[in-house]
PDB file of N, CA and C in Angstrom:
ATOM      1  N   MET A   1      68.027 -74.642  20.501  1.00  0.00           N
ATOM      2  CA  MET A   1      69.087 -73.442  20.741  1.00  0.00           C
ATOM      3  C   MET A   1      68.972 -72.243  20.061  1.00  0.00           C
ATOM      4  N   LEU A   2      68.887 -71.316  20.574  1.00  0.00           N
ATOM      5  CA  LEU A   2      69.143 -70.061  19.879  1.00  0.00           C
ATOM      6  C   LEU A   2      70.508 -69.683  19.231  1.00  0.00           C
ATOM      7  N   ILE A   3      70.387 -69.336  17.587  1.00  0.00           N
ATOM      8  CA  ILE A   3      71.433 -68.787  16.999  1.00  0.00           C
ATOM      9  C   ILE A   3      71.458 -67.800  16.766  1.00  0.00           C
ATOM     10  N   LEU A   4      72.429 -67.106  17.126  1.00  0.00           N
ATOM     11  CA  LEU A   4      72.460 -65.185  16.765  1.00  0.00           C
ATOM     12  C   LEU A   4      73.791 -65.347  15.746  1.00  0.00           C
ATOM     13  N   LYS A   5      73.557 -64.368  14.735  1.00  0.00           N
ATOM     14  CA  LYS A   5      74.267 -64.071  13.907  1.00  0.00           C
ATOM     15  C   LYS A   5      74.927 -62.756  14.083  1.00  0.00           C
ATOM     16  N   VAL A   6      76.488 -62.554  14.149  1.00  0.00           N
ATOM     17  CA  VAL A   6      76.892 -61.562  14.553  1.00  0.00           C
ATOM     18  C   VAL A   6      77.406 -60.848  12.992  1.00  0.00           C
ATOM     19  N   ALA A   7      77.438 -59.748  13.011  1.00  0.00           N
ATOM     20  CA  ALA A   7      78.344 -58.832  11.708  1.00  0.00           C
ATOM     21  C   ALA A   7      79.338 -57.996  12.081  1.00  0.00           C
ATOM     22  N   SER A   8      80.333 -57.693  11.544  1.00  0.00           N
ATOM     23  CA  SER A   8      81.096 -56.691  11.841  1.00  0.00           C
ATOM     24  C   SER A   8      80.711 -55.192  12.279  1.00  0.00           C
ATOM     25  N   HIS A   9      79.332 -55.119  11.808  1.00  0.00           N
ATOM     26  CA  HIS A   9      78.823 -53.450  12.210  1.00  0.00           C
ATOM     27  C   HIS A   9      77.954 -54.072  13.569  1.00  0.00           C
ATOM     28  N   SER A  10      77.753 -54.878  14.026  1.00  0.00           N
ATOM     29  CA  SER A  10      77.059 -55.501  15.401  1.00  0.00           C
ATOM     30  C   SER A  10      77.688 -54.836  16.597  1.00  0.00           C
ATOM     31  N   ASN A  11      76.360 -54.155  17.211  1.00  0.00           N
ATOM     32  CA  ASN A  11      77.146 -53.392  18.444  1.00  0.00           C
ATOM     33  C   ASN A  11      77.270 -54.704  19.525  1.00  0.00           C
ATOM     34  N   PRO A  12      78.709 -54.667  20.244  1.00  0.00           N
ATOM     35  CA  PRO A  12      78.801 -55.566  21.322  1.00  0.00           C
ATOM     36  C   PRO A  12      77.989 -55.602  22.209  1.00  0.00           C
ATOM     37  N   ASN A  13      77.573 -54.507  22.856  1.00  0.00           N
ATOM     38  CA  ASN A  13      76.606 -54.555  24.036  1.00  0.00           C
ATOM     39  C   ASN A  13      75.472 -55.112  23.783  1.00  0.00           C
ATOM     40  N   SER A  14      74.900 -54.745  22.518  1.00  0.00           N
ATOM     41  CA  SER A  14      73.825 -55.287  22.109  1.00  0.00           C
ATOM     42  C   SER A  14      73.708 -56.699  21.988  1.00  0.00           C
ATOM     43  N   VAL A  15      74.870 -57.175  21.546  1.00  0.00           N
ATOM     44  CA  VAL A  15      74.825 -58.888  21.186  1.00  0.00           C
ATOM     45  C   VAL A  15      74.987 -59.529  22.725  1.00  0.00           C
ATOM     46  N   SER A  16      75.693 -58.785  23.416  1.00  0.00           N
ATOM     47  CA  SER A  16      75.950 -59.259  24.941  1.00  0.00           C
ATOM     48  C   SER A  16      74.892 -59.490  25.826  1.00  0.00           C
ATOM     49  N   GLY A  17      73.630 -58.436  25.584  1.00  0.00           N
ATOM     50  CA  GLY A  17      72.354 -58.721  26.005  1.00  0.00           C
ATOM     51  C   GLY A  17      71.689 -59.602  25.753  1.00  0.00           C
ATOM     52  N   ALA A  18      71.656 -60.083  24.226  1.00  0.00           N
ATOM     53  CA  ALA A  18      70.899 -61.203  23.520  1.00  0.00           C
ATOM     54  C   ALA A  18      71.731 -62.388  24.144  1.00  0.00           C
ATOM     55  N   ILE A  19      72.803 -62.356  24.278  1.00  0.00           N
ATOM     56  CA  ILE A  19      73.550 -63.553  24.716  1.00  0.00           C
ATOM     57  C   ILE A  19      73.393 -63.650  26.144  1.00  0.00           C
ATOM     58  N   ALA A  20      72.959 -62.664  27.220  1.00  0.00           N
ATOM     59  CA  ALA A  20      72.712 -63.086  28.443  1.00  0.00           C
ATOM     60  C   ALA A  20      71.069 -63.417  28.596  1.00  0.00           C
ATOM     61  N   GLY A  21      70.225 -63.127  27.659  1.00  0.00           N
ATOM     62  CA  GLY A  21      68.824 -63.271  27.551  1.00  0.00           C
ATOM     63  C   GLY A  21      68.704 -65.170  27.037  1.00  0.00           C
ATOM     64  N   ALA A  22      69.656 -65.179  26.282  1.00  0.00           N
ATOM     65  CA  ALA A  22      69.389 -66.599  25.806  1.00  0.00           C
ATOM     66  C   ALA A  22      70.107 -67.441  26.862  1.00  0.00           C
ATOM     67  N   LEU A  23      71.044 -67.164  27.687  1.00  0.00           N
ATOM     68  CA  LEU A  23      71.288 -68.079  28.774  1.00  0.00           C
ATOM     69  C   LEU A  23      70.452 -67.970  29.692  1.00  0.00           C
ATOM     70  N   GLU A  24      69.976 -66.976  30.237  1.00  0.00           N
ATOM     71  CA  GLU A  24      68.888 -67.060  31.504  1.00  0.00           C
ATOM     72  C   GLU A  24      67.817 -67.967  30.876  1.00  0.00           C
ATOM     73  N   GLN A  25      67.344 -68.023  29.203  1.00  0.00           N
ATOM     74  CA  GLN A  25      66.276 -68.742  28.851  1.00  0.00           C
ATOM     75  C   GLN A  25      66.359 -70.103  28.842  1.00  0.00           C
ATOM     76  N   GLU A  26      67.312 -70.357  27.979  1.00  0.00           N
ATOM     77  CA  GLU A  26      67.842 -71.914  27.561  1.00  0.00           C
ATOM     78  C   GLU A  26      69.190 -72.288  28.288  1.00  0.00           C
ATOM     79  N   GLY A  27      70.207 -71.378  28.770  1.00  0.00           N
ATOM     80  CA  GLY A  27      71.400 -72.160  29.316  1.00  0.00           C
ATOM     81  C   GLY A  27      72.249 -72.026  28.297  1.00  0.00           C
ATOM     82  N   VAL A  28      72.046 -72.134  27.032  1.00  0.00           N
ATOM     83  CA  VAL A  28      73.080 -72.158  26.055  1.00  0.00           C
ATOM     84  C   VAL A  28      72.879 -71.182  24.802  1.00  0.00           C
ATOM     85  N   VAL A  29      73.501 -70.666  23.897  1.00  0.00           N
ATOM     86  CA  VAL A  29      73.521 -70.049  22.844  1.00  0.00           C
ATOM     87  C   VAL A  29      74.823 -69.947  21.732  1.00  0.00           C
ATOM     88  N   GLU A  30      74.353 -69.915  20.589  1.00  0.00           N
ATOM     89  CA  GLU A  30      75.312 -70.242  19.689  1.00  0.00           C
ATOM     90  C   GLU A  30      75.386 -69.084  18.774  1.00  0.00           C
ATOM     91  N   LEU A  31      76.628 -68.648  18.378  1.00  0.00           N
ATOM     92  CA  LEU A  31      76.877 -67.396  17.846  1.00  0.00           C
ATOM     93  C   LEU A  31      77.635 -67.835  16.580  1.00  0.00           C
ATOM     94  N   HIS A  32      77.179 -67.048  15.640  1.00  0.00           N
ATOM     95  CA  HIS A  32      77.889 -67.215  13.898  1.00  0.00           C
ATOM     96  C   HIS A  32      78.532 -66.304  13.701  1.00  0.00           C
ATOM     97  N   ALA A  33      79.947 -66.182  13.107  1.00  0.00           N
ATOM     98  CA  ALA A  33      80.297 -64.943  12.514  1.00  0.00           C
ATOM     99  C   ALA A  33      81.272 -65.381  11.068  1.00  0.00           C
ATOM    100  N   ILE A  34      81.017 -64.308  10.279  1.00  0.00           N
ATOM    101  CA  ILE A  34      81.820 -64.783   9.191  1.00  0.00           C
ATOM    102  C   ILE A  34      82.961 -63.547   8.804  1.00  0.00           C
ATOM    103  N   GLY A  35      84.121 -63.864   8.783  1.00  0.00           N
ATOM    104  CA  GLY A  35      84.751 -62.490   8.787  1.00  0.00           C
ATOM    105  C   GLY A  35      85.537 -62.186  10.187  1.00  0.00           C
ATOM    106  N   ALA A  36      86.708 -61.373  10.049  1.00  0.00           N
ATOM    107  CA  ALA A  36      87.343 -60.868  11.050  1.00  0.00           C
ATOM    108  C   ALA A  36      86.651 -59.779  11.880  1.00  0.00           C
ATOM    109  N   GLY A  37      86.115 -58.822  11.377  1.00  0.00           N
ATOM    110  CA  GLY A  37      85.523 -57.959  12.113  1.00  0.00           C
ATOM    111  C   GLY A  37      84.380 -58.453  12.741  1.00  0.00           C
ATOM    112  N   ALA A  38      83.321 -59.402  12.080  1.00  0.00           N
ATOM    113  CA  ALA A  38      82.332 -60.018  12.911  1.00  0.00           C
ATOM    114  C   ALA A  38      82.684 -61.166  14.026  1.00  0.00           C
ATOM    115  N   VAL A  39      83.926 -61.982  13.848  1.00  0.00           N
ATOM    116  CA  VAL A  39      84.530 -62.614  15.111  1.00  0.00           C
ATOM    117  C   VAL A  39      84.880 -61.615  16.034  1.00  0.00           C
ATOM    118  N   ASN A  40      85.626 -60.231  15.488  1.00  0.00           N
ATOM    119  CA  ASN A  40      85.970 -59.435  16.806  1.00  0.00           C
ATOM    120  C   ASN A  40      85.190 -58.913  17.786  1.00  0.00           C
ATOM    121  N   GLN A  41      83.994 -58.550  16.946  1.00  0.00           N
ATOM    122  CA  GLN A  41      82.731 -57.959  17.819  1.00  0.00           C
ATOM    123  C   GLN A  41      82.072 -59.394  18.470  1.00  0.00           C
ATOM    124  N   THR A  42      82.041 -60.520  18.241  1.00  0.00           N
ATOM    125  CA  THR A  42      81.429 -61.492  18.781  1.00  0.00           C
ATOM    126  C   THR A  42      82.307 -61.384  20.095  1.00  0.00           C
ATOM    127  N   VAL A  43      83.643 -61.979  19.982  1.00  0.00           N
ATOM    128  CA  VAL A  43      84.536 -61.972  20.935  1.00  0.00           C
ATOM    129  C   VAL A  43      84.226 -61.124  22.071  1.00  0.00           C
ATOM    130  N   LYS A  44      84.349 -59.771  21.587  1.00  0.00           N
ATOM    131  CA  LYS A  44      83.865 -58.365  22.534  1.00  0.00           C
ATOM    132  C   LYS A  44      82.490 -58.541  23.333  1.00  0.00           C
ATOM    133  N   ALA A  45      81.427 -59.060  22.514  1.00  0.00           N
ATOM    134  CA  ALA A  45      80.290 -59.400  23.012  1.00  0.00           C
ATOM    135  C   ALA A  45      80.629 -60.764  24.396  1.00  0.00           C
ATOM    136  N   ILE A  46      81.274 -61.673  23.971  1.00  0.00           N
ATOM    137  CA  ILE A  46      81.300 -62.926  24.861  1.00  0.00           C
ATOM    138  C   ILE A  46      82.297 -62.382  26.040  1.00  0.00           C
ATOM    139  N   ALA A  47      82.928 -61.621  25.983  1.00  0.00           N
ATOM    140  CA  ALA A  47      83.931 -60.831  27.242  1.00  0.00           C
ATOM    141  C   ALA A  47      82.888 -60.074  28.031  1.00  0.00           C
ATOM    142  N   ILE A  48      81.922 -59.042  27.385  1.00  0.00           N
ATOM    143  CA  ILE A  48      81.320 -58.385  28.206  1.00  0.00           C
ATOM    144  C   ILE A  48      80.124 -59.032  28.890  1.00  0.00           C
ATOM    145  N   SER A  49      79.680 -60.102  28.331  1.00  0.00           N
ATOM    146  CA  SER A  49      78.607 -61.137  28.845  1.00  0.00           C
ATOM    147  C   SER A  49      79.569 -61.711  29.973  1.00  0.00           C
ATOM    148  N   ARG A  50      80.600 -62.112  30.004  1.00  0.00           N
ATOM    149  CA  ARG A  50      81.109 -62.974  31.090  1.00  0.00           C
ATOM    150  C   ARG A  50      81.564 -62.127  32.252  1.00  0.00           C
ATOM    151  N   ARG A  51      81.952 -60.833  31.996  1.00  0.00           N
ATOM    152  CA  ARG A  51      82.102 -59.741  33.330  1.00  0.00           C
ATOM    153  C   ARG A  51      80.718 -59.430  33.621  1.00  0.00           C
ATOM    154  N   HIS A  52      79.375 -59.369  33.149  1.00  0.00           N
ATOM    155  CA  HIS A  52      78.154 -58.962  33.758  1.00  0.00           C
ATOM    156  C   HIS A  52      77.829 -60.294  34.487  1.00  0.00           C
ATOM    157  N   VAL A  53      77.938 -61.140  33.996  1.00  0.00           N
ATOM    158  CA  VAL A  53      77.601 -62.687  34.738  1.00  0.00           C
ATOM    159  C   VAL A  53      78.325 -62.824  35.940  1.00  0.00           C
ATOM    160  N   GLU A  54      79.766 -62.558  35.980  1.00  0.00           N
ATOM    161  CA  GLU A  54      80.620 -62.516  37.262  1.00  0.00           C
ATOM    162  C   GLU A  54      80.095 -61.529  38.156  1.00  0.00           C
ATOM    163  N   GLN A  55      79.570 -60.541  37.623  1.00  0.00           N
ATOM    164  CA  GLN A  55      79.340 -59.335  38.803  1.00  0.00           C
ATOM    165  C   GLN A  55      78.087 -59.505  39.294  1.00  0.00           C
ATOM    166  N   VAL A  56      77.199 -60.244  38.552  1.00  0.00           N
ATOM    167  CA  VAL A  56      75.932 -60.607  39.507  1.00  0.00           C
ATOM    168  C   VAL A  56      75.813 -62.064  40.241  1.00  0.00           C
ATOM    169  N   GLY A  57      77.388 -62.383  40.269  1.00  0.00           N
ATOM    170  CA  GLY A  57      77.749 -63.451  41.103  1.00  0.00           C
ATOM    171  C   GLY A  57      77.262 -65.138  40.812  1.00  0.00           C
ATOM    172  N   GLN A  58      77.067 -64.864  39.294  1.00  0.00           N
ATOM    173  CA  GLN A  58      76.568 -66.544  38.901  1.00  0.00           C
ATOM    174  C   GLN A  58      77.960 -67.170  38.546  1.00  0.00           C
ATOM    175  N   PRO A  59      77.904 -68.086  38.296  1.00  0.00           N
ATOM    176  CA  PRO A  59      78.972 -69.258  37.773  1.00  0.00           C
ATOM    177  C   PRO A  59      79.537 -68.512  36.355  1.00  0.00           C
ATOM    178  N   SER A  60      80.598 -68.712  36.004  1.00  0.00           N
ATOM    179  CA  SER A  60      81.206 -67.916  34.668  1.00  0.00           C
ATOM    180  C   SER A  60      80.694 -69.117  33.446  1.00  0.00           C
ATOM    181  N   ILE A  61      80.817 -68.323  32.504  1.00  0.00           N
ATOM    182  CA  ILE A  61      80.238 -68.962  31.082  1.00  0.00           C
ATOM    183  C   ILE A  61      81.442 -69.833  30.635  1.00  0.00           C
ATOM    184  N   LYS A  62      81.022 -70.891  29.803  1.00  0.00           N
ATOM    185  CA  LYS A  62      82.259 -71.832  29.080  1.00  0.00           C
ATOM    186  C   LYS A  62      81.905 -71.216  27.551  1.00  0.00           C
ATOM    187  N   VAL A  63      82.980 -71.426  26.706  1.00  0.00           N
ATOM    188  CA  VAL A  63      83.165 -70.912  25.354  1.00  0.00           C
ATOM    189  C   VAL A  63      83.505 -72.125  24.351  1.00  0.00           C
ATOM    190  N   ILE A  64      82.836 -72.865  23.471  1.00  0.00           N
ATOM    191  CA  ILE A  64      83.567 -73.529  22.977  1.00  0.00           C
ATOM    192  C   ILE A  64      83.650 -72.900  21.342  1.00  0.00           C
ATOM    193  N   PRO A  65      84.602 -72.459  20.719  1.00  0.00           N
ATOM    194  CA  PRO A  65      84.487 -72.076  19.320  1.00  0.00           C
ATOM    195  C   PRO A  65      84.875 -73.545  18.405  1.00  0.00           C
ATOM    196  N   GLY A  66      84.548 -72.885  17.001  1.00  0.00           N
ATOM    197  CA  GLY A  66      84.708 -74.135  16.156  1.00  0.00           C
ATOM    198  C   GLY A  66      84.403 -73.464  14.723  1.00  0.00           C
ATOM    199  N   PHE A  67      84.361 -74.262  13.838  1.00  0.00           N
ATOM    200  CA  PHE A  67      84.120 -73.590  12.454  1.00  0.00           C
ATOM    201  C   PHE A  67      82.539 -74.202  11.714  1.00  0.00           C
ATOM    202  N   VAL A  68      81.844 -73.473  11.268  1.00  0.00           N
ATOM    203  CA  VAL A  68      80.770 -73.721  10.827  1.00  0.00           C
ATOM    204  C   VAL A  68      80.500 -73.653   9.154  1.00  0.00           C
ATOM    205  N   GLU A  69      79.810 -74.276   8.477  1.00  0.00           N
ATOM    206  CA  GLU A  69      79.579 -73.946   6.831  1.00  0.00           C
ATOM    207  C   GLU A  69      78.180 -73.242   6.723  1.00  0.00           C
ATOM    208  N   LEU A  70      78.114 -72.105   6.129  1.00  0.00           N
ATOM    209  CA  LEU A  70      76.916 -71.652   6.149  1.00  0.00           C
ATOM    210  C   LEU A  70      76.685 -71.107   4.553  1.00  0.00           C
ATOM    211  N   ASP A  71      75.180 -71.347   4.421  1.00  0.00           N
ATOM    212  CA  ASP A  71      74.532 -71.169   2.807  1.00  0.00           C
ATOM    213  C   ASP A  71      74.302 -69.588   3.032  1.00  0.00           C
ATOM    214  N   ILE A  72      75.093 -68.683   2.288  1.00  0.00           N
ATOM    215  CA  ILE A  72      74.517 -67.471   2.241  1.00  0.00           C
ATOM    216  C   ILE A  72      74.353 -67.033   0.550  1.00  0.00           C
ATOM    217  N   ASN A  73      72.950 -66.816   0.440  1.00  0.00           N
ATOM    218  CA  ASN A  73      72.859 -66.534  -1.124  1.00  0.00           C
ATOM    219  C   ASN A  73      73.406 -67.152  -2.023  1.00  0.00           C
ATOM    220  N   GLY A  74      72.791 -68.497  -1.629  1.00  0.00           N
ATOM    221  CA  GLY A  74      73.388 -69.810  -2.384  1.00  0.00           C
ATOM    222  C   GLY A  74      74.859 -70.055  -2.551  1.00  0.00           C
ATOM    223  N   GLU A  75      75.622 -69.147  -1.678  1.00  0.00           N
ATOM    224  CA  GLU A  75      77.108 -69.674  -1.908  1.00  0.00           C
ATOM    225  C   GLU A  75      77.372 -70.169  -0.298  1.00  0.00           C
ATOM    226  N   ARG A  76      78.444 -71.108  -0.614  1.00  0.00           N
ATOM    227  CA  ARG A  76      78.835 -71.895   0.884  1.00  0.00           C
ATOM    228  C   ARG A  76      80.105 -70.934   1.413  1.00  0.00           C
ATOM    229  N   LYS A  77      80.029 -70.645   2.616  1.00  0.00           N
ATOM    230  CA  LYS A  77      80.916 -69.451   3.526  1.00  0.00           C
ATOM    231  C   LYS A  77      81.586 -70.685   4.760  1.00  0.00           C
ATOM    232  N   THR A  78      82.209 -70.435   5.030  1.00  0.00           N
ATOM    233  CA  THR A  78      82.993 -70.849   6.219  1.00  0.00           C
ATOM    234  C   THR A  78      82.861 -69.993   7.496  1.00  0.00           C
ATOM    235  N   GLY A  79      82.602 -69.951   8.695  1.00  0.00           N
ATOM    236  CA  GLY A  79      82.526 -69.299   9.560  1.00  0.00           C
ATOM    237  C   GLY A  79      83.101 -69.927  10.942  1.00  0.00           C
ATOM    238  N   ILE A  80      82.773 -68.779  11.748  1.00  0.00           N
ATOM    239  CA  ILE A  80      83.209 -69.413  13.226  1.00  0.00           C
ATOM    240  C   ILE A  80      82.233 -69.617  14.022  1.00  0.00           C
ATOM    241  N   ARG A  81      82.183 -70.746  14.638  1.00  0.00           N
ATOM    242  CA  ARG A  81      80.837 -70.722  15.572  1.00  0.00           C
ATOM    243  C   ARG A  81      81.408 -70.904  16.949  1.00  0.00           C
ATOM    244  N   PHE A  82      80.564 -69.978  17.744  1.00  0.00           N
ATOM    245  CA  PHE A  82      81.061 -70.170  19.193  1.00  0.00           C
ATOM    246  C   PHE A  82      79.794 -70.643  19.902  1.00  0.00           C
ATOM    247  N   ILE A  83      79.816 -71.384  20.651  1.00  0.00           N
ATOM    248  CA  ILE A  83      78.734 -72.040  21.533  1.00  0.00           C
ATOM    249  C   ILE A  83      79.196 -71.659  23.000  1.00  0.00           C
ATOM    250  N   VAL A  84      77.951 -70.735  23.523  1.00  0.00           N
ATOM    251  CA  VAL A  84      78.390 -70.202  24.691  1.00  0.00           C
ATOM    252  C   VAL A  84      77.217 -70.974  25.920  1.00  0.00           C
ATOM    253  N   GLU A  85      77.714 -71.074  26.926  1.00  0.00           N
ATOM    254  CA  GLU A  85      76.858 -71.920  27.879  1.00  0.00           C
ATOM    255  C   GLU A  85      77.381 -71.723  29.435  1.00  0.00           C
ATOM    256  N   ARG A  86      76.024 -72.140  30.127  1.00  0.00           N
ATOM    257  CA  ARG A  86      76.589 -71.856  31.632  1.00  0.00           C
ATOM    258  C   ARG A  86      77.555 -72.742  32.394  1.00  0.00           C
TER     259      ARG A  86
END
């Protein structure tokens, strides 16, 4: 499964394209976001992806949010994980 890391400065349209590509190839993608800004950009990207998928006549996507522990520069951080699947 492809894991995408989303930052607060990530472009939601670009992330949405990456989500669409991963869904086409694998049918599932996992997104990781740490901090309110990154979670905001992730949710926007998922919403854009959902709209695009529905416009082309494909079944809607399913999103499963949860927590994830990540090691960043030797420091443990808690982030939000979004599993997106068809």
